[in-house]
């Protein structure tokens, strides 16, 4: 493929992107669809970018699709690779052909971008291609980016799984090094597991004293074997003291709006003066003042 020469986006115009990450089944694609609908309702121009070459069951029509550049199935067949190896190859190929992506983004008139990313956690916890791609979007694409990391809320019903989810979130935050918002998704389904929760929901969203979780591991013969390892994980998580979660039900616009407001503050969108925003002071920004909460959304 011949290289495409792409100029840096005009410096007079800022672009804002959500990097939607999370393990398989966390609800990334559904989130991108519902969040795009909300942003459009608020009068924003939105571009959905599918960067998952294995995502062939999208509930939205992507404006930019990596499958136009490279297909996972073809990589698997041509290079005799399994799904994970082929996905790594695709991300490395996209990194080398970043001009293709920048050219697609530069050809739109949008300000807001939603990047639907692959679910293989090694891509953003251990591998460098995605981080390098994000850097190119910032430096050459003139983008303000915020990571939106989704974790299925059913992990709260299992102490060992929740500790693993915390370690995954912390690893992503440290590896990527961008403004980061962690979401517990599918909270509407969490009611089905309420009897399995050892603590109130605030314990999980605020990530309170995790040593209590270690006591919960005693009731499980399998996880109790690894209590010493989990204890070390808990110590690391509490030493960094970085993680909190926001609850999300993508089927409720009020829940999505709360997440949208957090993202706007994280990536700097609150400093914009257009699209109905009139921020008069730094204090207003710090207090979360922005678009009216009403917006004719019931």
Protein backbone atom coordinates (compact mmCIF):
# COMPACT_ATOMS: atom_id res chain seq x y z
CA UNK A 1 0.00 0.00 0.00
CA UNK A 2 1.42 3.38 -0.97
CA UNK A 3 1.89 5.91 1.80
CA UNK A 4 -0.63 8.72 2.05
CA UNK A 5 0.74 12.13 2.88
CA UNK A 6 -1.36 13.78 5.57
CA UNK A 7 -0.88 17.23 6.96
CA UNK A 8 -1.47 17.90 10.62
CA UNK A 9 -5.04 18.89 11.39
CA UNK A 10 -5.57 22.63 11.49
CA UNK A 11 -4.29 23.93 14.79
CA UNK A 12 -7.16 26.39 15.08
CA UNK A 13 -9.59 23.52 15.50
CA UNK A 14 -9.48 20.98 18.31
CA UNK A 15 -10.73 17.44 17.96
CA UNK A 16 -11.98 15.31 20.83
CA UNK A 17 -11.92 11.53 20.99
CA UNK A 18 -13.04 8.73 23.27
CA UNK A 19 -10.84 5.63 23.21
CA UNK A 20 -13.29 2.90 24.19
CA UNK A 21 -11.39 -0.04 25.72
CA UNK A 22 -12.28 -3.08 27.73
CA UNK A 23 -12.23 -6.88 27.71
CA UNK A 24 -14.56 -8.85 25.41
CA UNK A 25 -18.20 -8.69 26.43
CA UNK A 26 -17.89 -5.45 28.40
CA UNK A 27 -20.20 -3.63 25.98
CA UNK A 28 -17.83 -1.43 23.98
CA UNK A 29 -19.70 -1.56 20.68
CA UNK A 30 -23.07 -0.97 22.32
CA UNK A 31 -21.58 1.93 24.27
CA UNK A 32 -20.25 3.55 21.07
CA UNK A 33 -23.67 3.28 19.44
CA UNK A 34 -25.64 4.69 22.37
CA UNK A 35 -23.10 7.42 23.17
CA UNK A 36 -23.05 8.53 19.53
CA UNK A 37 -26.84 8.81 19.58
CA UNK A 38 -26.70 10.92 22.73
CA UNK A 39 -24.01 13.24 21.35
CA UNK A 40 -25.98 13.72 18.14
CA UNK A 41 -29.06 14.58 20.20
CA UNK A 42 -26.95 17.25 21.91
CA UNK A 43 -26.10 18.71 18.51
CA UNK A 44 -22.58 17.39 18.13
CA UNK A 45 -21.13 15.98 14.93
CA UNK A 46 -19.88 12.49 15.71
CA UNK A 47 -17.68 10.04 13.82
CA UNK A 48 -17.55 6.40 14.95
CA UNK A 49 -14.24 4.72 14.16
CA UNK A 50 -14.10 0.94 14.29
CA UNK A 51 -10.51 -0.13 14.99
CA UNK A 52 -11.38 -3.75 15.74
CA UNK A 53 -10.69 -5.87 12.64
CA UNK A 54 -12.62 -8.76 14.23
CA UNK A 55 -15.74 -6.66 14.84
CA UNK A 56 -18.10 -7.89 12.15
CA UNK A 57 -21.32 -7.70 14.20
CA UNK A 58 -21.58 -3.97 14.83
CA UNK A 59 -24.89 -2.43 15.90
CA UNK A 60 -23.86 0.80 14.17
CA UNK A 61 -22.54 1.72 10.74
CA UNK A 62 -18.95 2.92 11.24
CA UNK A 63 -17.88 6.11 9.53
CA UNK A 64 -14.30 4.81 9.45
CA UNK A 65 -13.59 1.08 9.51
CA UNK A 66 -10.20 -0.61 9.84
CA UNK A 67 -11.67 -3.53 7.88
CA UNK A 68 -11.35 -1.33 4.80
CA UNK A 69 -7.60 -1.40 5.38
CA UNK A 70 -7.00 -4.92 6.63
CA UNK A 71 -9.13 -7.99 7.38
CA UNK A 72 -8.42 -10.27 10.32
CA UNK A 73 -9.58 -13.35 8.42
CA UNK A 74 -7.18 -12.68 5.55
CA UNK A 75 -4.27 -12.18 7.95
CA UNK A 76 -5.06 -15.47 9.68
CA UNK A 77 -5.18 -17.34 6.37
CA UNK A 78 -2.19 -15.67 4.73
CA UNK A 79 0.17 -15.81 7.71
CA UNK A 80 -1.20 -18.96 9.36
CA UNK A 81 -1.91 -17.11 12.61
CA UNK A 82 -4.50 -17.60 15.31
CA UNK A 83 -6.99 -14.83 16.22
CA UNK A 84 -4.76 -13.16 18.84
CA UNK A 85 -1.62 -13.24 16.72
CA UNK A 86 -3.52 -11.94 13.70
CA UNK A 87 -4.97 -9.11 15.79
CA UNK A 88 -1.49 -8.06 16.91
CA UNK A 89 -0.40 -8.09 13.27
CA UNK A 90 -3.38 -5.88 12.32
CA UNK A 91 -2.56 -3.31 14.98
CA UNK A 92 1.09 -3.23 13.92
CA UNK A 93 -0.03 -2.83 10.31
CA UNK A 94 -2.30 0.07 11.27
CA UNK A 95 0.57 1.68 13.17
CA UNK A 96 2.77 1.50 10.08
CA UNK A 97 -0.06 2.85 7.92
CA UNK A 98 -1.26 5.51 10.36
CA UNK A 99 -1.52 7.98 7.46
CA UNK A 100 -4.48 5.97 6.19
CA UNK A 101 -6.34 6.54 9.47
CA UNK A 102 -5.35 10.20 9.74
CA UNK A 103 -6.46 10.72 6.16
CA UNK A 104 -9.88 9.23 6.91
CA UNK A 105 -10.30 11.38 10.02
CA UNK A 106 -9.01 14.50 8.31
CA UNK A 107 -11.66 14.05 5.62
CA UNK A 108 -14.52 14.56 8.07
CA UNK A 109 -15.98 17.78 9.46
CA UNK A 110 -16.59 16.32 12.90
CA UNK A 111 -15.24 17.43 16.25
CA UNK A 112 -16.13 14.32 18.26
CA UNK A 113 -14.73 10.85 17.58
CA UNK A 114 -15.58 7.51 19.17
CA UNK A 115 -12.90 4.84 18.71
CA UNK A 116 -14.24 1.30 19.15
CA UNK A 117 -11.14 -0.74 20.00
CA UNK A 118 -10.37 -4.48 20.19
CA UNK A 119 -11.11 -6.39 23.37
CA UNK A 120 -7.78 -8.23 23.68
CA UNK A 121 -6.35 -6.65 26.82
CA UNK A 122 -2.73 -7.42 25.91
CA UNK A 123 -3.00 -4.80 23.16
CA UNK A 124 -3.24 -1.96 25.65
CA UNK A 125 -1.55 -3.49 28.70
CA UNK A 126 1.58 -5.09 27.18
CA UNK A 127 1.84 -4.19 23.50
CA UNK A 128 2.98 -0.83 22.16
CA UNK A 129 1.17 -0.41 18.84
CA UNK A 130 -2.07 1.01 20.25
CA UNK A 131 -0.18 3.43 22.49
CA UNK A 132 1.85 4.58 19.50
CA UNK A 133 -1.31 5.04 17.44
CA UNK A 134 -2.83 7.15 20.22
CA UNK A 135 0.31 9.29 20.27
CA UNK A 136 -0.01 9.91 16.52
CA UNK A 137 -3.65 10.94 16.95
CA UNK A 138 -2.57 13.48 19.55
CA UNK A 139 0.54 14.88 17.89
CA UNK A 140 -0.51 14.78 14.23
CA UNK A 141 -4.27 14.63 14.56
CA UNK A 142 -4.47 17.50 17.05
CA UNK A 143 -6.79 15.43 19.24
CA UNK A 144 -7.67 15.60 22.88
CA UNK A 145 -8.19 11.98 23.91
CA UNK A 146 -9.80 10.33 26.89
CA UNK A 147 -9.73 6.60 27.61
CA UNK A 148 -13.10 5.09 28.50
CA UNK A 149 -12.40 1.69 30.03
CA UNK A 150 -15.39 -0.63 30.37
CA UNK A 151 -15.61 -3.48 32.88
CA UNK A 152 -18.64 -5.75 33.24
CA UNK A 153 -20.25 -5.03 36.61
CA UNK A 154 -20.89 -8.73 37.26
CA UNK A 155 -17.24 -8.91 38.39
CA UNK A 156 -18.37 -7.20 41.58
CA UNK A 157 -20.10 -10.44 42.57
CA UNK A 158 -16.77 -12.29 42.75
CA UNK A 159 -13.94 -10.95 44.90
CA UNK A 160 -11.20 -12.59 42.81
CA UNK A 161 -12.63 -11.31 39.53
CA UNK A 162 -13.01 -7.80 40.91
CA UNK A 163 -9.37 -7.70 42.04
CA UNK A 164 -8.38 -8.87 38.54
CA UNK A 165 -10.55 -6.12 37.00
CA UNK A 166 -8.83 -3.55 39.22
CA UNK A 167 -5.39 -4.74 38.15
CA UNK A 168 -6.45 -4.57 34.50
CA UNK A 169 -7.76 -1.01 34.94
CA UNK A 170 -4.60 0.09 36.75
CA UNK A 171 -2.37 -1.51 34.11
CA UNK A 172 -4.25 0.28 31.32
CA UNK A 173 -4.05 3.62 33.13
CA UNK A 174 -0.29 3.36 33.66
CA UNK A 175 0.48 1.97 30.20
CA UNK A 176 -1.54 4.47 28.17
CA UNK A 177 -0.98 7.55 30.32
CA UNK A 178 -4.03 9.54 29.17
CA UNK A 179 -7.08 10.91 31.01
CA UNK A 180 -8.93 7.78 32.01
CA UNK A 181 -12.48 6.98 33.10
CA UNK A 182 -13.40 3.52 34.36
CA UNK A 183 -16.98 2.34 33.92
CA UNK A 184 -18.87 -0.54 35.46
CA UNK A 185 -21.27 -1.50 32.70
CA UNK A 186 -24.55 -3.43 32.58
CA UNK A 187 -25.61 -2.17 36.00
CA UNK A 188 -29.19 -2.98 35.04
CA UNK A 189 -28.16 -6.65 35.15
CA UNK A 190 -26.26 -6.23 38.41
CA UNK A 191 -29.59 -6.58 40.26
CA UNK A 192 -29.46 -10.25 39.34
CA UNK A 193 -26.29 -10.62 41.43
CA UNK A 194 -27.11 -8.32 44.34
CA UNK A 195 -27.37 -11.29 46.70
CA UNK A 196 -23.76 -12.17 45.80
CA UNK A 197 -22.34 -8.75 46.65
CA UNK A 198 -20.44 -8.76 49.93
CA UNK A 199 -20.64 -4.97 50.25
CA UNK A 200 -22.68 -1.99 49.13
CA UNK A 201 -22.16 -0.72 45.59
CA UNK A 202 -20.17 2.30 46.86
CA UNK A 203 -17.48 -0.09 48.04
CA UNK A 204 -16.88 -1.09 44.41
CA UNK A 205 -17.26 2.29 42.74
CA UNK A 206 -15.06 4.16 45.24
CA UNK A 207 -12.67 1.18 45.61
CA UNK A 208 -12.62 1.32 49.40
CA UNK A 209 -10.52 -0.81 51.78
CA UNK A 210 -9.75 -3.80 49.57
CA UNK A 211 -8.44 -5.89 52.45
CA UNK A 212 -12.07 -6.79 53.11
CA UNK A 213 -12.09 -8.48 49.71
CA UNK A 214 -9.25 -10.73 50.82
CA UNK A 215 -11.42 -12.01 53.65
CA UNK A 216 -14.09 -12.89 51.08
CA UNK A 217 -11.59 -15.11 49.26
CA UNK A 218 -11.49 -17.41 52.28
CA UNK A 219 -14.88 -18.82 51.34
CA UNK A 220 -13.55 -20.15 48.03
CA UNK A 221 -11.14 -23.08 48.15
CA UNK A 222 -9.68 -22.25 44.72
CA UNK A 223 -9.09 -18.53 45.15
CA UNK A 224 -7.89 -19.01 48.71
CA UNK A 225 -4.82 -20.76 47.27
CA UNK A 226 -3.82 -17.48 45.67
CA UNK A 227 -4.63 -15.21 48.59
CA UNK A 228 -0.98 -14.18 48.99
CA UNK A 229 -0.80 -13.12 45.33
CA UNK A 230 -4.14 -11.29 45.61
CA UNK A 231 -2.87 -9.58 48.74
CA UNK A 232 0.11 -8.27 46.74
CA UNK A 233 -2.25 -7.04 44.02
CA UNK A 234 -4.38 -5.23 46.59
CA UNK A 235 -1.28 -3.57 48.03
CA UNK A 236 -0.25 -2.31 44.57
CA UNK A 237 -3.74 -1.02 43.77
CA UNK A 238 -4.02 0.84 47.07
CA UNK A 239 -0.49 2.26 46.78
CA UNK A 240 -1.37 3.92 43.48
CA UNK A 241 -4.84 4.95 44.68
CA UNK A 242 -5.93 5.88 41.15
CA UNK A 243 -9.00 3.78 40.45
CA UNK A 244 -12.64 4.66 40.86
CA UNK A 245 -15.61 3.52 38.81
CA UNK A 246 -18.66 5.22 37.39
CA UNK A 247 -21.81 3.11 37.02
CA UNK A 248 -23.26 2.94 33.53
CA UNK A 249 -26.52 1.72 32.09
CA UNK A 250 -26.30 2.43 28.36
CA UNK A 251 -30.07 2.13 28.03
CA UNK A 252 -30.64 5.15 30.28
CA UNK A 253 -29.83 8.56 28.80
CA UNK A 254 -29.34 10.10 32.24
CA UNK A 255 -26.62 7.54 32.98
CA UNK A 256 -24.96 8.20 29.62
CA UNK A 257 -25.19 11.95 30.18
CA UNK A 258 -23.37 11.65 33.51
CA UNK A 259 -20.57 9.73 31.78
CA UNK A 260 -20.48 12.25 28.94
CA UNK A 261 -20.01 15.09 31.44
CA UNK A 262 -17.09 13.27 33.08
CA UNK A 263 -15.47 12.70 29.71
CA UNK A 264 -15.93 16.34 28.70
CA UNK A 265 -14.06 17.46 31.81
CA UNK A 266 -11.36 14.84 31.36
CA UNK A 267 -10.50 15.66 27.75
CA UNK A 268 -10.96 19.43 27.99
CA UNK A 269 -14.14 19.77 25.96
CA UNK A 270 -15.60 21.96 28.73
CA UNK A 271 -13.31 24.77 27.56
CA UNK A 272 -15.04 24.98 24.18
CA UNK A 273 -17.29 27.97 23.57
CA UNK A 274 -19.32 26.50 20.71
CA UNK A 275 -22.03 23.83 20.52
CA UNK A 276 -24.04 25.57 23.18
CA UNK A 277 -21.20 25.81 25.72
CA UNK A 278 -20.54 29.07 27.56
CA UNK A 279 -17.99 28.46 30.28
CA UNK A 280 -17.29 31.71 32.10
CA UNK A 281 -14.65 30.65 34.57
CA UNK A 282 -12.26 27.97 35.70
CA UNK A 283 -14.46 27.59 38.78
CA UNK A 284 -17.44 26.75 36.59
CA UNK A 285 -15.38 24.08 34.88
CA UNK A 286 -14.22 22.60 38.18
CA UNK A 287 -17.83 22.43 39.38
CA UNK A 288 -18.83 20.57 36.23
CA UNK A 289 -20.88 23.37 34.71
CA UNK A 290 -21.34 22.89 31.00
CA UNK A 291 -24.27 21.94 28.87
CA UNK A 292 -27.56 22.22 30.74
CA UNK A 293 -28.44 18.86 32.25
CA UNK A 294 -31.94 19.13 30.79
CA UNK A 295 -31.36 18.97 27.03
CA UNK A 296 -34.96 17.79 26.59
CA UNK A 297 -33.88 14.30 27.65
CA UNK A 298 -36.32 12.45 29.85
